Amino acid sequence: MLLYRIRFELRSSIVTPLKGDTIWGHIVWGIANHEGDNAVASFLEQEKSELPLLVVSSAFPAGMVCRPLPAPLERDGNLSIEKYSEIKKTKKIKYVSASDYFTETEMSAEKPEYPFKNIQIMHNTIDRTTNTVMEKGLYSTEEKWSGISEWDLYILSSLSSDRVKQLVEWAFENGYGADASTGKGKILIKDKPVNVKIKKQGNTYMALGPFVDSKKGISNIRADVFVRSGKIGGTFASSLSPYKKPVVLYDEGAVFECTKNIEYTGKLLEKMHGEDDRICQSGFAPVIPI
């Protein structure tokens, strides 16, 4: 399998974070919209195997990747204010230079500590029976605006670069994430995928996207976790309960050890909806030795 880097331009605010499992779901919907149910079934069958066709990372500012989660520091009782401030500042670093880990990449001129700013947007609630604004119907939603225009996505795949680009373009053609129908998540693929080579070797790895522990030889996991309470979309949204089964995922930047050489970790999660066994959830991510 080859590791591709795809650069894209974010042209609007987003509501849904650019996580690998969500992006993978958009790719599946792109296949469904363009090639039909049989193509999706074939794709998912291959994704369940030991050599999946496509494993997707989260997105990172151009020329950067997630920071490996550091080991906890031993602290004594005489921690100075200066040392404490330094620890807090270090914890806020989310990204590091991709050139430390990959060939064929350059450090971006933009070096963000906080790539997104959360903005509260006020809305009125409309009474659909009278088509008027309700008197006490004011509410807010949160949008994420980025000062970074170019982002990188890493895809581990046995497909050709042309096919990978096609699938990613299909994934983003109607916008990304929640409120795409109102203009959120507008994404433009910039270039053809670039095959990047990994610089480092060893048995300590970092995950580039969310994943589950597949119990296949990894140990000493150091990671942040979050609960993914996914929702279904597309044609399913009008006929089924909108919620998928919740799952706990390790986040990108997780560090672990593995005695064998691996290119990804985790697995495809099957039967993620109580009413339709076809619905799946990405639980795998590309990994790199660090």
Protein backbone atom coordinates (compact mmCIF):
# COMPACT_ATOMS: atom_id res chain seq x y z
CA MET A 1 0.00 0.00 0.00
CA LEU A 2 1.11 3.57 -0.70
CA LEU A 3 0.72 6.59 1.56
CA TYR A 4 -0.65 9.56 -0.36
CA ARG A 5 -0.85 13.18 0.71
CA ILE A 6 -3.72 15.21 -0.74
CA ARG A 7 -3.77 18.98 -0.29
CA PHE A 8 -7.09 20.77 -0.24
CA GLU A 9 -8.34 24.30 0.25
CA LEU A 10 -10.95 25.07 2.88
CA ARG A 11 -13.17 27.82 1.46
CA SER A 12 -15.76 28.26 4.20
CA SER A 13 -16.43 27.71 7.86
CA ILE A 14 -17.17 24.20 9.09
CA VAL A 15 -19.40 22.76 11.79
CA THR A 16 -18.00 19.21 11.85
CA PRO A 17 -14.30 18.70 12.76
CA LEU A 18 -12.06 17.31 10.01
CA LYS A 19 -11.66 13.85 11.59
CA GLY A 20 -10.54 10.81 9.59
CA ASP A 21 -13.54 8.63 10.40
CA THR A 22 -15.99 11.31 9.23
CA ILE A 23 -14.00 11.95 6.03
CA TRP A 24 -13.99 8.19 5.32
CA GLY A 25 -17.79 8.20 5.66
CA HIS A 26 -18.02 10.98 3.08
CA ILE A 27 -15.91 8.89 0.69
CA VAL A 28 -18.36 5.99 1.06
CA TRP A 29 -21.29 8.28 0.29
CA GLY A 30 -19.42 9.59 -2.76
CA ILE A 31 -19.14 6.03 -4.09
CA ALA A 32 -22.84 5.44 -3.40
CA ASN A 33 -23.90 8.61 -5.21
CA HIS A 34 -21.77 7.95 -8.31
CA GLU A 35 -21.52 4.16 -8.60
CA GLY A 36 -24.47 2.75 -6.67
CA ASP A 37 -25.18 0.27 -3.87
CA ASN A 38 -23.29 -2.65 -5.41
CA ALA A 39 -20.09 -0.62 -5.62
CA VAL A 40 -20.46 0.39 -1.96
CA ALA A 41 -21.03 -3.23 -0.90
CA SER A 42 -17.89 -4.33 -2.79
CA PHE A 43 -15.85 -1.47 -1.29
CA LEU A 44 -16.97 -2.24 2.27
CA GLU A 45 -16.25 -5.95 1.82
CA GLN A 46 -12.66 -5.10 0.95
CA GLU A 47 -12.42 -2.61 3.81
CA LYS A 48 -13.21 -5.46 6.23
CA SER A 49 -10.18 -7.45 5.05
CA GLU A 50 -6.62 -7.40 6.38
CA LEU A 51 -5.66 -5.20 3.40
CA PRO A 52 -8.32 -2.49 3.17
CA LEU A 53 -8.52 -0.40 0.01
CA LEU A 54 -8.50 2.96 1.76
CA VAL A 55 -7.52 4.15 5.24
CA VAL A 56 -7.93 7.87 5.91
CA SER A 57 -6.22 10.26 8.30
CA SER A 58 -7.64 13.36 9.90
CA ALA A 59 -6.80 16.65 8.16
CA PHE A 60 -3.88 18.83 9.28
CA PRO A 61 -2.68 22.32 8.33
CA ALA A 62 -0.50 22.12 5.19
CA GLY A 63 2.99 20.85 5.95
CA MET A 64 2.09 19.69 9.44
CA VAL A 65 0.84 16.57 11.24
CA CYS A 66 -0.61 15.92 14.67
CA ARG A 67 1.78 16.08 17.57
CA PRO A 68 2.57 12.70 19.20
CA LEU A 69 0.95 12.61 22.61
CA PRO A 70 3.87 13.07 25.04
CA ALA A 71 4.56 10.86 28.01
CA PRO A 72 3.43 12.30 31.35
CA LEU A 73 6.13 14.25 33.16
CA GLU A 74 7.12 13.38 36.69
CA ARG A 75 6.61 16.46 38.82
CA ASP A 76 8.02 17.21 42.24
CA GLY A 77 6.40 19.36 44.87
CA ASN A 78 8.57 22.39 44.10
CA LEU A 79 7.16 23.24 40.66
CA SER A 80 7.92 26.88 39.89
CA ILE A 81 5.48 29.26 38.21
CA GLU A 82 7.83 29.49 35.20
CA LYS A 83 8.04 25.72 34.82
CA TYR A 84 4.27 25.36 35.20
CA SER A 85 3.71 28.01 32.50
CA GLU A 86 6.12 26.18 30.20
CA ILE A 87 4.25 22.88 30.71
CA LYS A 88 0.90 24.58 29.93
CA LYS A 89 2.32 26.19 26.78
CA THR A 90 3.74 22.88 25.57
CA LYS A 91 0.42 21.09 26.10
CA LYS A 92 -1.28 23.54 23.74
CA ILE A 93 0.90 22.55 20.78
CA LYS A 94 -1.33 20.51 18.46
CA TYR A 95 0.82 20.14 15.33
CA VAL A 96 4.45 19.54 14.36
CA SER A 97 6.30 19.77 11.07
CA ALA A 98 5.47 16.93 8.65
CA SER A 99 8.98 17.23 7.19
CA ASP A 100 10.26 15.51 10.36
CA TYR A 101 8.36 12.37 9.35
CA PHE A 102 7.85 12.42 5.57
CA THR A 103 9.75 13.13 2.39
CA GLU A 104 8.10 15.20 -0.37
CA THR A 105 6.71 17.76 2.05
CA GLU A 106 7.56 21.29 3.06
CA MET A 107 6.79 23.19 6.21
CA SER A 108 3.93 25.62 5.76
CA ALA A 109 4.61 29.32 6.20
CA GLU A 110 1.57 29.38 8.49
CA LYS A 111 2.29 27.90 11.92
CA PRO A 112 -0.99 27.77 13.80
CA GLU A 113 -1.39 27.01 17.48
CA TYR A 114 -5.17 27.27 17.18
CA PRO A 115 -6.18 26.65 13.55
CA PHE A 116 -9.89 27.16 14.26
CA LYS A 117 -11.80 29.88 16.05
CA ASN A 118 -15.25 28.98 17.35
CA ILE A 119 -17.89 31.60 16.52
CA GLN A 120 -21.41 31.69 17.93
CA ILE A 121 -24.01 32.37 15.24
CA MET A 122 -27.49 33.50 16.29
CA HIS A 123 -30.63 32.15 14.57
CA ASN A 124 -34.37 32.66 14.73
CA THR A 125 -36.78 29.76 15.01
CA ILE A 126 -39.47 29.78 12.34
CA ASP A 127 -43.02 28.69 13.11
CA ARG A 128 -43.75 26.46 10.11
CA THR A 129 -47.52 26.78 10.47
CA THR A 130 -47.48 30.59 10.11
CA ASN A 131 -44.07 31.10 8.44
CA THR A 132 -43.23 33.76 11.02
CA VAL A 133 -40.44 34.16 13.56
CA MET A 134 -41.33 32.76 16.98
CA GLU A 135 -41.24 35.29 19.80
CA LYS A 136 -38.92 33.25 22.05
CA GLY A 137 -37.20 31.25 19.35
CA LEU A 138 -33.70 32.76 19.38
CA TYR A 139 -30.90 30.18 19.56
CA SER A 140 -27.20 29.89 18.65
CA THR A 141 -25.02 27.42 16.80
CA GLU A 142 -21.24 27.17 16.76
CA GLU A 143 -19.18 27.42 13.57
CA LYS A 144 -15.45 26.89 13.19
CA TRP A 145 -13.59 29.50 11.14
CA SER A 146 -9.99 28.84 10.16
CA GLY A 147 -7.20 31.26 9.34
CA ILE A 148 -5.51 28.39 7.52
CA SER A 149 -6.63 27.92 3.93
CA GLU A 150 -4.61 24.84 2.88
CA TRP A 151 -4.86 21.47 4.61
CA ASP A 152 -3.29 18.03 4.15
CA LEU A 153 -5.00 14.66 4.21
CA TYR A 154 -3.05 11.36 4.29
CA ILE A 155 -4.58 8.30 2.66
CA LEU A 156 -3.11 4.79 2.81
CA SER A 157 -4.32 2.89 -0.25
CA SER A 158 -3.59 0.23 -2.85
CA LEU A 159 -5.59 2.23 -5.42
CA SER A 160 -4.03 4.44 -8.09
CA SER A 161 -3.49 8.13 -7.35
CA ASP A 162 -6.11 9.05 -9.97
CA ARG A 163 -8.72 6.85 -8.29
CA VAL A 164 -7.87 8.21 -4.84
CA LYS A 165 -8.26 11.78 -6.10
CA GLN A 166 -11.58 10.91 -7.72
CA LEU A 167 -12.94 9.39 -4.50
CA VAL A 168 -11.89 12.39 -2.41
CA GLU A 169 -13.40 14.83 -4.91
CA TRP A 170 -16.67 12.90 -4.81
CA ALA A 171 -16.56 12.97 -1.01
CA PHE A 172 -16.40 16.76 -0.83
CA GLU A 173 -18.39 17.75 -3.92
CA ASN A 174 -21.51 18.66 -1.90
CA GLY A 175 -19.69 20.11 1.10
CA TYR A 176 -18.44 18.52 4.30
CA GLY A 177 -20.19 17.73 7.55
CA ALA A 178 -23.20 19.35 9.17
CA ASP A 179 -24.96 22.23 7.40
CA ALA A 180 -23.23 21.49 4.10
CA SER A 181 -26.52 22.33 2.39
CA THR A 182 -26.21 25.92 3.64
CA GLY A 183 -22.64 26.39 2.44
CA LYS A 184 -20.58 25.00 5.30
CA GLY A 185 -17.60 22.72 4.63
CA LYS A 186 -16.80 23.92 1.11
CA ILE A 187 -13.61 22.11 0.10
CA LEU A 188 -11.57 22.22 -3.12
CA ILE A 189 -8.97 19.53 -3.91
CA LYS A 190 -5.84 21.35 -5.03
CA ASP A 191 -3.53 18.82 -6.65
CA LYS A 192 -3.02 15.20 -7.61
CA PRO A 193 -2.13 12.96 -4.62
CA VAL A 194 1.59 12.85 -3.81
CA ASN A 195 3.19 9.59 -2.68
CA VAL A 196 5.16 10.40 0.49
CA LYS A 197 7.86 8.22 2.02
CA ILE A 198 8.25 7.72 5.75
CA LYS A 199 11.62 8.78 7.16
CA LYS A 200 11.71 7.02 10.52
CA GLN A 201 11.82 3.37 11.60
CA GLY A 202 11.10 1.60 14.85
CA ASN A 203 8.42 -0.14 16.86
CA THR A 204 6.82 3.01 18.33
CA TYR A 205 4.01 4.38 16.17
CA MET A 206 1.71 7.40 15.99
CA ALA A 207 -1.84 7.25 14.61
CA LEU A 208 -2.87 9.91 12.09
CA GLY A 209 -6.60 9.55 12.75
CA PRO A 210 -9.17 8.10 15.17
CA PHE A 211 -9.17 4.31 15.66
CA VAL A 212 -10.23 1.44 17.89
CA ASP A 213 -7.93 -1.15 19.42
CA SER A 214 -8.16 -4.21 17.15
CA LYS A 215 -6.22 -6.39 19.66
CA LYS A 216 -3.61 -7.20 17.02
CA GLY A 217 -0.25 -6.85 18.70
CA ILE A 218 -0.24 -3.23 19.84
CA SER A 219 0.59 -2.32 23.43
CA ASN A 220 1.40 0.56 25.76
CA ILE A 221 -1.19 2.87 24.18
CA ARG A 222 -0.93 6.52 25.23
CA ALA A 223 -3.91 8.41 23.86
CA ASP A 224 -6.76 10.83 24.30
CA VAL A 225 -10.19 9.28 23.74
CA PHE A 226 -13.57 10.60 22.69
CA VAL A 227 -17.06 9.19 22.17
CA ARG A 228 -18.30 9.18 18.58
CA SER A 229 -22.09 9.39 18.53
CA GLY A 230 -22.40 9.27 14.77
CA LYS A 231 -25.45 10.13 12.69
CA ILE A 232 -26.49 8.65 9.39
CA GLY A 233 -27.08 10.79 6.33
CA GLY A 234 -28.10 10.69 2.71
CA THR A 235 -31.14 8.62 1.83
CA PHE A 236 -30.98 6.81 5.18
CA ALA A 237 -31.77 9.99 7.14
CA SER A 238 -35.42 10.09 6.04
CA SER A 239 -36.24 6.45 6.72
CA LEU A 240 -34.23 5.33 9.78
CA SER A 241 -33.39 6.54 13.24
CA PRO A 242 -30.68 9.17 12.70
CA TYR A 243 -28.25 7.84 15.31
CA LYS A 244 -25.59 5.18 14.96
CA LYS A 245 -24.37 3.19 17.93
CA PRO A 246 -21.87 5.19 20.00
CA VAL A 247 -18.25 4.05 20.07
CA VAL A 248 -15.16 5.13 22.03
CA LEU A 249 -12.26 6.05 19.72
CA TYR A 250 -8.61 6.80 20.36
CA ASP A 251 -7.82 10.22 18.88
CA GLU A 252 -5.13 11.15 16.34
CA GLY A 253 -1.72 11.63 17.93
CA ALA A 254 -2.07 8.41 19.92
CA VAL A 255 1.25 6.66 20.50
CA PHE A 256 1.71 2.92 20.96
CA GLU A 257 4.16 0.08 20.44
CA CYS A 258 3.96 -2.84 18.02
CA THR A 259 6.50 -5.62 17.53
CA LYS A 260 5.75 -6.00 13.80
CA ASN A 261 5.83 -3.52 10.93
CA ILE A 262 2.36 -2.07 10.35
CA GLU A 263 0.88 0.62 8.10
CA TYR A 264 -2.45 1.11 9.87
CA THR A 265 -4.19 0.13 13.06
CA GLY A 266 -7.80 -0.56 14.02
CA LYS A 267 -10.58 -2.08 11.96
CA LEU A 268 -13.87 -1.36 10.22
CA LEU A 269 -16.73 -1.41 12.73
CA GLU A 270 -19.74 -3.31 11.40
CA LYS A 271 -23.47 -3.28 12.22
CA MET A 272 -23.37 0.22 13.68
CA HIS A 273 -27.12 0.80 13.40
CA GLY A 274 -29.97 -1.12 14.99
CA GLU A 275 -32.16 -1.08 11.88
CA ASP A 276 -29.73 -1.67 9.00
CA ASP A 277 -26.75 -4.04 9.29
CA ARG A 278 -25.04 -2.50 6.26
CA ILE A 279 -24.13 0.68 8.12
CA CYS A 280 -20.47 0.75 9.18
CA GLN A 281 -18.08 3.11 10.98
CA SER A 282 -14.40 3.72 10.31
CA GLY A 283 -12.32 2.51 13.23
CA PHE A 284 -8.93 2.44 11.51
CA ALA A 285 -6.22 5.01 10.80
CA PRO A 286 -2.84 5.21 9.02
CA VAL A 287 0.14 5.03 11.36
CA ILE A 288 3.78 6.10 11.07
CA PRO A 289 6.81 5.04 13.11
CA ILE A 290 8.17 7.87 15.22
